[in-house]
Protein backbone atom coordinates (compact mmCIF):
# COMPACT_ATOMS: atom_id res chain seq x y z
CA MET A 1 21.96 -8.53 1.74
CA ARG A 2 22.74 -5.97 4.33
CA TYR A 3 20.71 -3.22 2.68
CA LEU A 4 17.43 -5.15 2.86
CA ARG A 5 16.16 -5.00 6.42
CA PRO A 6 12.70 -5.30 7.94
CA GLY A 7 12.64 -1.56 8.53
CA THR A 8 13.16 -0.98 4.83
CA LEU A 9 10.14 -3.12 3.99
CA VAL A 10 8.04 -1.40 6.63
CA ALA A 11 9.01 2.03 5.26
CA ALA A 12 8.31 0.92 1.68
CA GLY A 13 4.93 -0.44 2.76
CA VAL A 14 3.99 2.81 4.45
CA LEU A 15 5.06 4.77 1.36
CA LEU A 16 3.00 2.53 -0.93
CA LEU A 17 0.01 2.85 1.37
CA ILE A 18 0.27 6.65 1.39
CA ALA A 19 0.81 6.73 -2.38
CA GLY A 20 -2.32 4.66 -2.93
CA LEU A 21 -4.35 6.89 -0.66
CA VAL A 22 -3.12 10.05 -2.37
CA TYR A 23 -3.74 8.55 -5.82
CA SER A 24 -7.29 7.59 -4.86
CA VAL A 25 -8.05 11.04 -3.48
CA VAL A 26 -6.41 13.05 -6.27
CA PHE A 27 -7.44 11.04 -9.33
CA ALA A 28 -10.54 9.12 -8.31
CA GLY A 29 -11.90 11.40 -5.61
CA ILE A 30 -15.59 11.31 -4.82
CA PRO A 31 -17.67 9.49 -7.45
CA TYR A 32 -19.90 11.54 -9.68
CA GLN A 33 -23.56 11.83 -8.76
CA ASP A 34 -25.09 10.80 -12.10
CA PRO A 35 -22.16 9.65 -14.23
CA THR A 36 -22.26 8.47 -17.79
CA PRO A 37 -20.93 4.95 -18.36
CA GLN A 38 -17.68 6.43 -19.69
CA MET A 39 -17.19 8.61 -16.60
CA TYR A 40 -18.00 5.71 -14.28
CA ALA A 41 -15.53 3.42 -16.07
CA THR A 42 -12.78 6.04 -15.81
CA TRP A 43 -13.50 6.65 -12.13
CA LYS A 44 -13.58 2.91 -11.43
CA SER A 45 -10.22 2.31 -13.15
CA TYR A 46 -8.59 5.09 -11.10
CA GLN A 47 -10.14 3.68 -7.95
CA ARG A 48 -8.82 0.18 -8.74
CA ILE A 49 -5.30 1.51 -9.23
CA GLY A 50 -5.42 3.32 -5.90
CA ASP A 51 -6.86 0.28 -4.16
CA SER A 52 -4.20 -2.03 -5.58
CA LEU A 53 -1.46 0.36 -4.42
CA MET A 54 -2.94 0.42 -0.93
CA ILE A 55 -3.33 -3.37 -0.78
CA SER A 56 0.24 -3.95 -1.97
CA GLY A 57 1.42 -1.42 0.61
CA LEU A 58 -0.41 -3.32 3.34
CA VAL A 59 1.11 -6.61 2.19
CA VAL A 60 4.64 -5.19 2.13
CA LEU A 61 4.10 -3.51 5.51
CA ALA A 62 2.78 -6.73 7.06
CA SER A 63 5.60 -8.84 5.63
CA GLY A 64 8.21 -6.39 6.93
CA GLY A 65 6.55 -6.36 10.34
CA LEU A 66 6.37 -10.14 10.41
CA TRP A 67 10.01 -10.41 9.37
CA ALA A 68 11.01 -7.98 12.14
CA LEU A 69 8.99 -9.98 14.68
CA VAL A 70 10.52 -13.31 13.63
CA ARG A 71 13.99 -11.76 13.64
CA TRP A 72 13.40 -10.34 17.13
CA ILE A 73 12.12 -13.68 18.47
CA ALA A 74 14.94 -15.71 16.87
CA ARG A 75 17.78 -13.39 17.92
CA PRO A 76 20.48 -14.96 20.08
CA ARG A 77 20.03 -14.35 23.79
CA ARG A 78 22.91 -13.22 25.96
């Protein structure tokens, strides 16, 4: 699996993190001041989607960073 490297996971994690942030800002945005229950439910669902994208991005970023650290520590010394 030569194409899957720690840098690939780190880059994918950063992209997911940015995508979640953009999704939260564009679709959810600032909550309404006095929303109806329907408006609040819609806003909350958009916010959950953005949050889950950001959390998954952080998990992928952390796993790629951890993999890179373990690979760097376990590399053969010359």
